[in-house]
Protein backbone atom coordinates (compact mmCIF):
# COMPACT_ATOMS: atom_id res chain seq x y z
CA UNK A 1 -21.35 8.96 4.52
CA UNK A 2 -17.63 8.55 5.04
CA UNK A 3 -16.68 7.34 8.49
CA UNK A 4 -13.52 8.86 9.92
CA UNK A 5 -11.00 6.77 11.80
CA UNK A 6 -9.86 7.82 15.26
CA UNK A 7 -6.59 9.64 15.62
CA UNK A 8 -3.48 7.70 16.50
CA UNK A 9 -1.07 8.88 19.16
CA UNK A 10 2.38 7.34 19.50
CA UNK A 11 5.73 8.11 21.04
CA UNK A 12 8.52 8.69 18.53
CA UNK A 13 12.12 9.67 18.99
CA UNK A 14 14.11 12.11 16.88
CA UNK A 15 17.88 12.32 17.06
CA UNK A 16 20.08 15.12 15.82
CA UNK A 17 23.87 14.92 15.77
CA UNK A 18 25.64 18.22 16.27
CA UNK A 19 28.83 18.46 14.18
CA UNK A 20 31.36 21.24 13.87
CA UNK A 21 30.50 22.17 10.29
CA UNK A 22 26.85 22.66 9.42
CA UNK A 23 25.97 22.11 5.78
CA UNK A 24 22.90 23.90 4.53
CA UNK A 25 21.12 23.97 1.21
CA UNK A 26 19.71 27.29 0.06
CA UNK A 27 17.86 28.41 -3.03
CA UNK A 28 19.68 30.86 -5.27
CA UNK A 29 17.05 33.50 -5.72
CA UNK A 30 18.88 35.77 -8.14
CA UNK A 31 20.26 33.19 -10.54
CA UNK A 32 18.30 31.99 -13.55
CA UNK A 33 19.70 28.59 -14.49
CA UNK A 34 18.80 26.88 -17.71
CA UNK A 35 15.72 24.77 -17.21
CA UNK A 36 15.46 21.42 -18.95
CA UNK A 37 11.96 20.06 -18.66
CA UNK A 38 10.05 20.04 -15.41
CA UNK A 39 11.58 20.73 -12.04
CA UNK A 40 8.82 18.64 -10.52
CA UNK A 41 7.75 15.16 -11.54
CA UNK A 42 4.06 15.95 -11.38
CA UNK A 43 1.64 18.75 -10.68
CA UNK A 44 -0.02 19.11 -7.34
CA UNK A 45 3.02 17.52 -5.73
CA UNK A 46 3.55 19.91 -2.84
CA UNK A 47 1.78 18.97 0.38
CA UNK A 48 -0.24 21.72 1.98
CA UNK A 49 0.84 21.06 5.55
CA UNK A 50 3.11 23.63 7.11
CA UNK A 51 6.84 23.18 6.78
CA UNK A 52 6.77 20.55 4.04
CA UNK A 53 9.00 21.38 1.06
CA UNK A 54 8.43 19.65 -2.26
CA UNK A 55 10.90 16.95 -3.24
CA UNK A 56 11.53 15.25 -6.55
CA UNK A 57 9.55 12.07 -6.86
CA UNK A 58 12.66 10.04 -7.60
CA UNK A 59 14.12 11.03 -4.24
CA UNK A 60 11.38 9.08 -2.51
CA UNK A 61 12.60 5.83 -4.00
CA UNK A 62 14.29 3.81 -1.29
CA UNK A 63 16.90 2.48 -3.68
CA UNK A 64 17.78 5.83 -5.24
CA UNK A 65 20.70 6.14 -2.84
CA UNK A 66 23.09 3.28 -2.16
CA UNK A 67 25.26 3.34 0.91
CA UNK A 68 28.51 1.44 0.50
CA UNK A 69 30.48 -0.18 3.32
CA UNK A 70 31.77 2.14 6.00
CA UNK A 71 35.45 2.95 6.11
CA UNK A 72 35.81 1.20 9.48
CA UNK A 73 34.21 -2.02 8.26
CA UNK A 74 36.27 -1.95 5.07
CA UNK A 75 39.52 -1.49 6.99
CA UNK A 76 38.73 -4.39 9.34
CA UNK A 77 37.90 -6.63 6.38
CA UNK A 78 41.04 -5.74 4.44
CA UNK A 79 43.26 -6.22 7.50
CA UNK A 80 42.28 -9.90 7.71
CA UNK A 81 43.07 -10.68 4.07
CA UNK A 82 46.25 -11.54 2.22
CA UNK A 83 47.69 -9.08 -0.28
CA UNK A 84 46.20 -10.87 -3.30
CA UNK A 85 42.76 -11.27 -1.70
CA UNK A 86 42.86 -7.65 -0.57
CA UNK A 87 43.50 -6.40 -4.10
CA UNK A 88 40.74 -8.64 -5.46
CA UNK A 89 38.27 -7.29 -2.91
CA UNK A 90 39.18 -3.70 -3.73
CA UNK A 91 38.66 -4.35 -7.46
CA UNK A 92 35.31 -6.00 -6.70
CA UNK A 93 34.10 -3.06 -4.61
CA UNK A 94 35.21 -0.57 -7.27
CA UNK A 95 33.32 -2.55 -9.89
CA UNK A 96 30.17 -2.58 -7.73
CA UNK A 97 30.44 1.14 -7.16
CA UNK A 98 30.83 1.75 -10.91
CA UNK A 99 27.73 -0.33 -11.61
CA UNK A 100 25.74 1.58 -9.01
CA UNK A 101 26.75 4.92 -10.49
CA UNK A 102 25.74 3.80 -13.98
CA UNK A 103 22.43 2.33 -12.88
CA UNK A 104 20.04 5.04 -11.77
CA UNK A 105 16.29 5.10 -11.48
CA UNK A 106 15.98 6.66 -14.89
CA UNK A 107 17.92 6.07 -18.09
CA UNK A 108 17.19 9.63 -19.21
CA UNK A 109 20.56 11.48 -19.18
CA UNK A 110 18.75 14.80 -18.72
CA UNK A 111 15.67 14.17 -16.54
CA UNK A 112 15.06 17.88 -16.08
CA UNK A 113 15.53 18.23 -12.34
CA UNK A 114 16.44 21.90 -12.51
CA UNK A 115 16.35 22.02 -8.71
CA UNK A 116 19.97 20.84 -8.82
CA UNK A 117 20.92 23.94 -10.80
CA UNK A 118 19.04 26.22 -8.43
CA UNK A 119 20.76 24.97 -5.30
CA UNK A 120 24.13 25.69 -3.79
CA UNK A 121 25.76 24.64 -0.51
CA UNK A 122 27.48 26.75 2.07
CA UNK A 123 29.03 25.87 5.42
CA UNK A 124 28.60 27.45 8.83
CA UNK A 125 30.77 26.82 11.84
CA UNK A 126 28.54 25.64 14.63
CA UNK A 127 25.17 27.34 14.32
CA UNK A 128 24.05 25.45 17.43
CA UNK A 129 27.28 25.60 19.41
CA UNK A 130 27.21 27.29 22.82
CA UNK A 131 23.42 27.62 22.67
CA UNK A 132 20.99 26.15 25.18
CA UNK A 133 18.36 23.56 24.28
CA UNK A 134 15.55 26.00 25.05
CA UNK A 135 17.07 28.57 22.72
CA UNK A 136 17.59 26.05 19.92
CA UNK A 137 14.15 24.43 20.08
CA UNK A 138 12.34 27.76 20.47
CA UNK A 139 13.98 29.37 17.42
CA UNK A 140 14.71 26.40 15.13
CA UNK A 141 11.62 24.21 15.46
CA UNK A 142 7.86 24.67 15.43
CA UNK A 143 7.65 22.46 18.54
CA UNK A 144 7.74 25.51 20.81
CA UNK A 145 4.42 26.74 19.41
CA UNK A 146 2.58 23.78 20.92
CA UNK A 147 4.79 22.55 23.75
CA UNK A 148 6.48 24.11 26.77
CA UNK A 149 10.12 23.50 25.85
CA UNK A 150 11.38 24.23 29.37
CA UNK A 151 9.06 21.56 30.80
CA UNK A 152 10.22 19.04 28.19
CA UNK A 153 13.85 19.66 29.14
CA UNK A 154 13.14 19.49 32.89
CA UNK A 155 11.19 16.24 32.56
CA UNK A 156 13.84 14.62 30.40
CA UNK A 157 11.86 14.45 27.16
CA UNK A 158 14.67 16.37 25.46
CA UNK A 159 18.04 14.81 26.27
CA UNK A 160 21.69 15.17 25.29
CA UNK A 161 23.74 12.01 24.78
CA UNK A 162 20.93 9.99 26.35
CA UNK A 163 20.85 11.98 29.59
CA UNK A 164 18.64 14.71 31.02
CA UNK A 165 20.45 18.05 31.28
CA UNK A 166 19.84 21.39 32.99
CA UNK A 167 18.15 24.31 31.30
CA UNK A 168 21.42 26.22 30.99
CA UNK A 169 23.36 23.36 29.33
CA UNK A 170 25.05 24.53 26.12
CA UNK A 171 25.57 22.29 23.09
CA UNK A 172 29.11 20.99 22.52
CA UNK A 173 30.94 19.31 19.67
CA UNK A 174 29.61 15.80 18.96
CA UNK A 175 26.53 16.06 21.19
CA UNK A 176 23.53 13.91 20.22
CA UNK A 177 20.24 15.66 20.95
CA UNK A 178 17.20 13.40 21.32
CA UNK A 179 13.62 14.60 21.44
CA UNK A 180 10.86 12.20 22.51
CA UNK A 181 7.56 13.39 21.12
CA UNK A 182 4.05 12.30 21.97
CA UNK A 183 2.62 12.45 18.47
CA UNK A 184 -0.94 12.73 17.18
CA UNK A 185 -1.76 11.52 13.68
CA UNK A 186 -3.84 13.91 11.59
CA UNK A 187 -7.24 12.52 10.51
CA UNK A 188 -8.02 11.46 6.94
CA UNK A 189 -11.09 10.11 5.19
CA UNK A 190 -12.00 6.53 6.00
CA UNK A 191 -13.31 5.61 2.56
CA UNK A 192 -12.14 2.39 0.97
CA UNK A 193 -9.29 2.69 -1.54
CA UNK A 194 -10.24 1.38 -4.99
CA UNK A 195 -7.59 -0.77 -6.67
CA UNK A 196 -7.62 -0.20 -10.44
CA UNK A 197 -4.74 -2.49 -11.48
CA UNK A 198 -2.49 -4.86 -9.57
CA UNK A 199 0.24 -6.80 -11.38
CA UNK A 200 3.86 -7.84 -10.91
CA UNK A 201 5.18 -4.37 -11.78
CA UNK A 202 2.83 -1.93 -10.12
CA UNK A 203 -0.38 -1.27 -8.21
CA UNK A 204 -2.72 1.47 -9.45
CA UNK A 205 -5.27 2.96 -7.07
CA UNK A 206 -7.89 5.67 -6.99
CA UNK A 207 -6.41 7.78 -4.20
CA UNK A 208 -8.96 9.43 -1.92
CA UNK A 209 -8.59 13.07 -1.09
CA UNK A 210 -6.84 14.06 2.17
CA UNK A 211 -4.35 11.14 2.22
CA UNK A 212 -0.70 11.96 1.38
CA UNK A 213 1.23 9.59 -0.86
CA UNK A 214 3.96 8.93 1.69
CA UNK A 215 4.74 9.91 5.31
CA UNK A 216 5.29 13.64 5.74
CA UNK A 217 4.63 16.28 8.37
CA UNK A 218 1.80 15.23 10.66
CA UNK A 219 1.06 12.13 8.58
CA UNK A 220 2.79 8.79 8.90
CA UNK A 221 0.38 5.91 9.39
CA UNK A 222 -2.37 7.84 7.57
CA UNK A 223 -0.44 7.80 4.27
CA UNK A 224 -0.94 5.72 1.14
CA UNK A 225 2.33 3.82 1.64
CA UNK A 226 1.36 2.75 5.16
CA UNK A 227 -2.29 2.05 4.38
CA UNK A 228 -1.49 -0.16 1.39
CA UNK A 229 1.14 -1.94 3.46
CA UNK A 230 -1.14 -2.50 6.43
CA UNK A 231 -4.36 -3.31 4.57
CA UNK A 232 -3.03 -5.16 1.50
CA UNK A 233 0.37 -6.34 2.70
CA UNK A 234 2.52 -4.44 0.19
CA UNK A 235 6.04 -3.55 1.27
CA UNK A 236 8.77 -1.50 -0.44
CA UNK A 237 6.42 0.26 -2.84
CA UNK A 238 8.15 2.94 -4.91
CA UNK A 239 6.81 6.28 -6.15
CA UNK A 240 7.17 7.30 -9.80
CA UNK A 241 5.19 10.51 -9.21
CA UNK A 242 2.99 12.00 -6.53
CA UNK A 243 -0.33 13.73 -6.14
CA UNK A 244 -0.98 16.53 -3.72
CA UNK A 245 -2.45 15.33 -0.41
CA UNK A 246 -5.85 16.89 -1.14
CA UNK A 247 -5.97 15.75 -4.78
CA UNK A 248 -7.72 12.46 -5.53
CA UNK A 249 -7.44 10.16 -8.53
CA UNK A 250 -5.06 7.91 -10.45
CA UNK A 251 -1.95 7.08 -8.48
CA UNK A 252 0.38 4.14 -8.97
CA UNK A 253 3.26 2.67 -7.04
CA UNK A 254 5.87 0.47 -8.69
CA UNK A 255 7.09 -2.82 -7.21
CA UNK A 256 10.55 -3.20 -8.75
CA UNK A 257 13.41 -1.09 -10.04
CA UNK A 258 12.86 -1.81 -13.74
CA UNK A 259 9.24 -0.64 -13.59
CA UNK A 260 10.27 2.45 -11.64
CA UNK A 261 12.81 3.44 -14.33
CA UNK A 262 10.28 2.88 -17.10
CA UNK A 263 7.51 5.03 -15.62
CA UNK A 264 9.84 7.78 -14.42
CA UNK A 265 11.30 7.95 -17.93
CA UNK A 266 7.83 8.27 -19.44
CA UNK A 267 6.89 11.06 -17.04
CA UNK A 268 10.12 13.07 -17.13
CA UNK A 269 10.29 12.83 -20.94
CA UNK A 270 6.73 14.24 -21.08
CA UNK A 271 5.38 11.17 -22.78
CA UNK A 272 2.40 11.06 -20.44
CA UNK A 273 -0.94 12.73 -21.15
CA UNK A 274 -2.58 13.80 -17.88
CA UNK A 275 -6.24 14.70 -17.57
CA UNK A 276 -7.74 16.23 -14.43
CA UNK A 277 -11.23 17.45 -13.59
CA UNK A 278 -12.21 20.08 -11.06
CA UNK A 279 -15.19 22.16 -9.96
CA UNK A 280 -14.65 25.92 -9.93
CA UNK A 281 -16.61 28.95 -8.84
CA UNK A 282 -18.78 30.74 -11.41
CA UNK A 283 -19.45 30.13 -15.08
CA UNK A 284 -16.21 29.13 -16.76
CA UNK A 285 -15.94 30.28 -20.42
CA UNK A 286 -16.89 27.81 -23.12
CA UNK A 287 -14.30 26.52 -25.52
CA UNK A 288 -10.63 25.97 -24.88
CA UNK A 289 -8.82 28.29 -22.45
CA UNK A 290 -5.03 28.18 -22.32
CA UNK A 291 -3.08 29.69 -19.40
CA UNK A 292 0.69 30.08 -19.81
CA UNK A 293 1.47 32.21 -16.78
CA UNK A 294 4.83 31.46 -15.12
CA UNK A 295 4.58 30.11 -11.57
CA UNK A 296 6.78 31.32 -8.70
CA UNK A 297 7.07 30.57 -5.01
CA UNK A 298 5.44 32.72 -2.36
CA UNK A 299 6.63 30.62 0.56
CA UNK A 300 8.78 27.49 0.61
CA UNK A 301 7.83 26.83 4.22
CA UNK A 302 4.09 26.72 3.55
CA UNK A 303 4.37 25.49 -0.04
CA UNK A 304 2.42 28.40 -1.56
CA UNK A 305 2.75 29.48 -5.18
CA UNK A 306 1.58 32.39 -7.34
CA UNK A 307 1.69 33.57 -10.95
CA UNK A 308 4.45 36.04 -11.78
CA UNK A 309 7.04 36.91 -14.39
CA UNK A 310 9.78 35.76 -12.02
CA UNK A 311 8.38 32.22 -12.09
CA UNK A 312 8.99 29.14 -14.21
CA UNK A 313 7.27 28.56 -17.58
CA UNK A 314 3.96 26.76 -17.17
CA UNK A 315 1.08 25.82 -19.43
CA UNK A 316 -2.38 24.37 -18.78
CA UNK A 317 -5.31 23.86 -21.14
CA UNK A 318 -8.84 24.11 -19.69
CA UNK A 319 -12.17 23.04 -21.19
CA UNK A 320 -15.56 23.49 -19.53
CA UNK A 321 -17.60 20.30 -19.26
CA UNK A 322 -20.74 21.55 -17.51
CA UNK A 323 -22.32 24.43 -15.55
CA UNK A 324 -25.05 23.97 -12.94
CA UNK A 325 -25.91 27.62 -12.47
CA UNK A 326 -23.40 28.27 -9.70
CA UNK A 327 -20.27 26.29 -10.39
CA UNK A 328 -18.55 24.72 -13.39
CA UNK A 329 -16.86 21.39 -13.99
CA UNK A 330 -13.63 21.96 -15.91
CA UNK A 331 -11.28 19.52 -17.62
CA UNK A 332 -7.60 20.36 -17.11
CA UNK A 333 -4.62 19.20 -19.16
CA UNK A 334 -1.28 20.30 -17.70
CA UNK A 335 1.58 20.43 -20.20
CA UNK A 336 4.19 21.17 -17.53
CA UNK A 337 4.49 19.89 -13.99
CA UNK A 338 4.78 22.87 -11.66
CA UNK A 339 3.75 22.71 -8.03
CA UNK A 340 0.01 23.41 -7.64
CA UNK A 341 -0.08 24.39 -11.31
CA UNK A 342 -3.78 23.76 -11.97
CA UNK A 343 -4.92 25.48 -8.78
CA UNK A 344 -2.71 28.53 -9.33
CA UNK A 345 -3.71 28.96 -12.99
CA UNK A 346 -7.40 28.72 -12.08
CA UNK A 347 -6.88 31.34 -9.38
CA UNK A 348 -5.19 33.59 -11.96
CA UNK A 349 -8.12 33.15 -14.38
CA UNK A 350 -10.55 34.17 -11.64
CA UNK A 351 -12.16 30.74 -11.27
CA UNK A 352 -10.62 29.17 -8.16
CA UNK A 353 -11.61 25.65 -7.15
CA UNK A 354 -14.74 25.84 -5.01
CA UNK A 355 -13.36 24.35 -1.80
CA UNK A 356 -9.65 25.10 -2.22
CA UNK A 357 -8.47 26.04 1.30
CA UNK A 358 -5.28 27.62 -0.02
CA UNK A 359 -5.92 29.49 -3.25
CA UNK A 360 -9.60 30.38 -2.86
CA UNK A 361 -8.67 32.81 -0.10
CA UNK A 362 -8.60 36.52 0.62
CA UNK A 363 -5.05 36.06 1.84
CA UNK A 364 -4.08 36.72 -1.80
CA UNK A 365 -5.86 40.07 -1.79
CA UNK A 366 -9.43 41.36 -2.27
CA UNK A 367 -9.65 39.71 -5.72
CA UNK A 368 -8.08 36.43 -4.51
CA UNK A 369 -5.21 36.81 -6.95
CA UNK A 370 -7.34 37.13 -10.10
CA UNK A 371 -5.24 38.31 -13.03
CA UNK A 372 -2.15 38.24 -10.84
CA UNK A 373 -3.52 41.26 -8.93
CA UNK A 374 -2.44 40.23 -5.44
CA UNK A 375 -2.04 43.75 -4.02
CA UNK A 376 0.16 42.16 -1.36
CA UNK A 377 3.82 41.28 -1.10
CA UNK A 378 4.98 37.69 -0.76
CA UNK A 379 5.83 38.38 2.88
CA UNK A 380 2.32 39.70 3.56
CA UNK A 381 0.69 36.70 1.85
CA UNK A 382 2.90 34.34 3.84
CA UNK A 383 1.99 36.04 7.13
CA UNK A 384 -1.75 35.94 6.41
CA UNK A 385 -1.66 32.29 5.33
CA UNK A 386 0.33 31.37 8.42
CA UNK A 387 -2.33 32.98 10.60
CA UNK A 388 -5.08 31.20 8.68
CA UNK A 389 -3.35 27.86 8.83
CA UNK A 390 -4.12 25.83 11.96
CA UNK A 391 -1.81 22.87 11.26
CA UNK A 392 -4.93 20.84 10.63
CA UNK A 393 -5.64 20.24 14.28
CA UNK A 394 -9.10 21.48 13.41
CA UNK A 395 -11.49 23.21 15.78
CA UNK A 396 -10.96 23.00 19.50
CA UNK A 397 -14.23 22.15 21.20
CA UNK A 398 -12.86 22.68 24.69
CA UNK A 399 -11.17 20.64 27.37
CA UNK A 400 -11.13 16.87 26.92
CA UNK A 401 -13.29 15.74 29.85
CA UNK A 402 -12.11 12.15 29.45
CA UNK A 403 -8.44 13.12 29.83
CA UNK A 404 -8.32 13.53 33.66
CA UNK A 405 -10.16 10.24 34.17
CA UNK A 406 -7.79 8.30 31.91
CA UNK A 407 -4.70 9.91 33.47
CA UNK A 408 -5.98 8.95 36.94
CA UNK A 409 -6.44 5.33 35.83
CA UNK A 410 -2.94 5.22 34.37
CA UNK A 411 -1.44 6.61 37.58
CA UNK A 412 -3.16 3.87 39.54
CA UNK A 413 -1.72 1.28 37.18
CA UNK A 414 1.75 2.74 37.66
CA UNK A 415 1.39 2.70 41.46
CA UNK A 416 0.26 -0.91 41.31
CA UNK A 417 3.33 -1.83 39.32
CA UNK A 418 5.55 0.10 41.72
CA UNK A 419 4.18 -1.85 44.69
CA UNK A 420 4.86 -5.13 42.89
CA UNK A 421 8.47 -4.09 42.33
CA UNK A 422 9.21 -3.12 45.96
CA UNK A 423 11.25 -6.30 46.45
CA UNK A 424 13.68 -5.15 43.80
CA UNK A 425 15.81 -2.92 46.06
CA UNK A 426 18.47 -2.47 43.42
CA UNK A 427 16.10 -0.40 41.32
CA UNK A 428 16.43 3.32 41.76
CA UNK A 429 13.16 5.07 42.60
CA UNK A 430 11.73 6.83 39.59
CA UNK A 431 11.05 10.56 39.96
CA UNK A 432 7.42 11.62 40.05
CA UNK A 433 7.93 13.60 36.86
CA UNK A 434 8.99 10.38 35.13
CA UNK A 435 6.19 8.17 36.42
CA UNK A 436 3.65 9.88 34.22
CA UNK A 437 5.78 9.35 31.12
CA UNK A 438 4.18 6.28 29.60
CA UNK A 439 5.73 3.92 27.11
CA UNK A 440 2.88 3.73 24.61
CA UNK A 441 4.66 1.23 22.38
CA UNK A 442 5.05 -1.35 25.15
CA UNK A 443 1.60 -0.78 26.60
CA UNK A 444 -0.16 -0.97 23.24
CA UNK A 445 1.48 -4.36 22.68
CA UNK A 446 0.63 -5.75 26.12
CA UNK A 447 -2.76 -4.13 26.74
CA UNK A 448 -5.74 -6.45 26.78
CA UNK A 449 -7.84 -6.59 23.64
CA UNK A 450 -10.94 -7.58 25.60
CA UNK A 451 -13.90 -5.25 25.76
CA UNK A 452 -13.80 -2.54 28.37
CA UNK A 453 -15.41 -3.93 31.54
CA UNK A 454 -18.88 -2.85 32.56
CA UNK A 455 -17.69 -1.21 35.79
CA UNK A 456 -15.77 1.37 33.74
CA UNK A 457 -17.87 3.78 31.73
CA UNK A 458 -16.73 4.26 28.16
CA UNK A 459 -16.90 8.00 27.47
CA UNK A 460 -19.30 9.21 24.84
CA UNK A 461 -16.46 10.73 22.83
CA UNK A 462 -15.00 7.30 22.06
CA UNK A 463 -18.16 5.31 21.45
CA UNK A 464 -18.75 4.10 17.91
CA UNK A 465 -21.72 5.51 16.05
CA UNK A 466 -23.66 4.60 12.94
CA UNK A 467 -22.71 1.86 10.54
CA UNK A 468 -20.00 -0.72 11.12
CA UNK A 469 -16.61 0.34 9.83
CA UNK A 470 -14.85 -1.98 7.43
CA UNK A 471 -11.20 -2.30 6.54
CA UNK A 472 -10.01 -2.42 2.93
CA UNK A 473 -10.24 -6.20 2.87
CA UNK A 474 -13.86 -6.07 4.04
CA UNK A 475 -13.26 -7.17 7.63
CA UNK A 476 -15.05 -5.37 10.48
CA UNK A 477 -12.93 -2.67 12.03
CA UNK A 478 -12.71 -2.98 15.85
CA UNK A 479 -14.21 -0.15 17.90
CA UNK A 480 -12.14 2.30 19.87
CA UNK A 481 -10.44 0.55 22.78
CA UNK A 482 -10.27 2.71 25.88
CA UNK A 483 -7.54 0.60 27.47
CA UNK A 484 -5.21 1.30 24.53
CA UNK A 485 -5.44 5.08 24.91
CA UNK A 486 -2.28 6.43 26.56
CA UNK A 487 -2.40 10.22 26.77
CA UNK A 488 0.68 12.12 27.86
CA UNK A 489 0.66 14.73 30.60
CA UNK A 490 3.25 16.76 28.72
CA UNK A 491 1.17 16.86 25.51
CA UNK A 492 -1.13 19.90 25.18
CA UNK A 493 -3.14 18.20 22.43
CA UNK A 494 -4.21 15.36 24.73
CA UNK A 495 -5.87 17.83 27.07
CA UNK A 496 -8.08 19.32 24.36
CA UNK A 497 -11.22 18.03 22.72
CA UNK A 498 -11.13 18.45 18.95
CA UNK A 499 -14.06 18.25 16.60
CA UNK A 500 -13.40 15.67 13.93
CA UNK A 501 -13.66 17.31 10.50
CA UNK A 502 -16.58 16.55 8.25
CA UNK A 503 -15.83 14.57 5.08
CA UNK A 504 -16.45 17.73 3.07
CA UNK A 505 -13.63 19.45 4.95
CA UNK A 506 -11.18 16.74 3.88
CA UNK A 507 -12.10 16.92 0.21
CA UNK A 508 -10.78 19.04 -2.66
CA UNK A 509 -12.69 19.16 -5.93
CA UNK A 510 -9.63 18.29 -7.99
CA UNK A 511 -9.25 14.77 -9.38
CA UNK A 512 -6.62 13.05 -11.53
CA UNK A 513 -8.97 11.36 -13.99
CA UNK A 514 -6.52 9.77 -16.43
CA UNK A 515 -2.82 9.09 -16.93
CA UNK A 516 -1.85 7.78 -20.37
CA UNK A 517 1.66 6.76 -21.42
CA UNK A 518 3.14 5.37 -24.65
CA UNK A 519 1.96 1.81 -23.93
CA UNK A 520 -0.21 2.13 -20.81
CA UNK A 521 -3.36 3.93 -19.73
CA UNK A 522 -5.09 4.11 -16.34
CA UNK A 523 -8.32 5.93 -15.63
CA UNK A 524 -10.91 6.28 -12.87
CA UNK A 525 -14.62 6.95 -13.05
CA UNK A 526 -15.82 10.53 -12.76
CA UNK A 527 -16.18 11.63 -9.12
CA UNK A 528 -19.69 12.33 -7.86
CA UNK A 529 -19.05 16.06 -7.45
CA UNK A 530 -18.08 16.32 -11.16
CA UNK A 531 -21.45 15.09 -12.45
CA UNK A 532 -23.58 17.76 -14.19
CA UNK A 533 -26.55 17.40 -11.80
CA UNK A 534 -24.43 17.58 -8.65
CA UNK A 535 -25.58 19.85 -5.84
CA UNK A 536 -23.50 21.21 -3.00
CA UNK A 537 -23.26 18.77 -0.10
CA UNK A 538 -20.72 20.53 2.09
CA UNK A 539 -22.83 19.98 5.21
CA UNK A 540 -22.59 16.18 4.96
């Protein structure tokens, strides 16, 4: 049985600079630009968490954008040089800039990112100007759905130019808005990540389901980039393509720029043969089934797609491998790389993936979108999916009974520290509303790693159960440490007790079995749920 890690909660800070002109990117819905190749690097690339738009894989590469010296720094440097040295430096910088422009991540002059053709920019004058913080955060961000924005402003969690402001403060030109968030990391499976290949150019892994490729939405530390960095010590890994968060299978990260260009070229030039397997409802037809239905967006915010004539050309070939009387194992070969292509085409054929939380749903109509018969508008589908979606905070069991006890202990610690600092008369007294705001980063670094003392009862909700957890390198994973838990009084999630999801709830029966290029081939073993004699184990 897969053991789930505990959630992580941290304090992070987000800063937004308010400028006079607001630049916004918007999709051109009515235009039909010429499409060259795929607009996405790979299928299943759109994460299913709310508010996460799909990006091109190449945009994730840290070296895909190069920032040159600032104008201020350049002026200071030039001012200290003689005329001859100044001209030489200018020529050198121009040469560097020319080299950077001519050296991209891919040597393909037409990589097929049609998203550039579908996008235009327009400018607004001050969408936030003369609006209050409460108004802005309530209408512009999803934060207001979980937090009391007025309380955050009053307690100084939302500040302007580093200072707490009143509720009626209106944003001005050049203001810097900072929002300190007490963040909870979404849970993922705790299974060990299998390394298929590890050489000087890349690392190939068998990605478990539920883990996103890189930080996004409610996932940061529970992402493949962070896990491989923490567990195996890899830094600056680069993505050549991505898999959907719920999709498992072959995934590789490159280690240098040359390897990144090579693999992106292979993928964007369609020189890669991709093979997936999935388990679908019902008895899938024998023989080869080809679906060429165009795929269009239902909702960019939720990342939902559908089949429709207004979509982009798509093609997938399906072949049934086995049937156990209830469900079928199907081999899938995508010829294009549309978002959620396999899942959407299977929904259209009337054989949705068994445990697909998105497309095996009545939100697409009584027939679940079979044959493109949705019987609902895109707006209606979006509204129903938004109601169904719970931002993956899972089921609320009730109030967290350990929360009041831990808050009381932390208050005592704060009072003890205050009494020790009484001699420092130059220190301004901290408001009561601020004393409960804990610096989790500092405390997690200084907290004792010793076992919780016997005179303090460890709550049942944080005790370890069952077998010993192991990290990827085989070392025992330490148990939950009560003294490193720093809940926030302003965080509604800390006050609730959530049921950790079962492993079956974090799994999608869709697996990238094989990726084969012109001179490379990586493959995993068949997942357990794809074996012919497999029986449903959703209760485990």
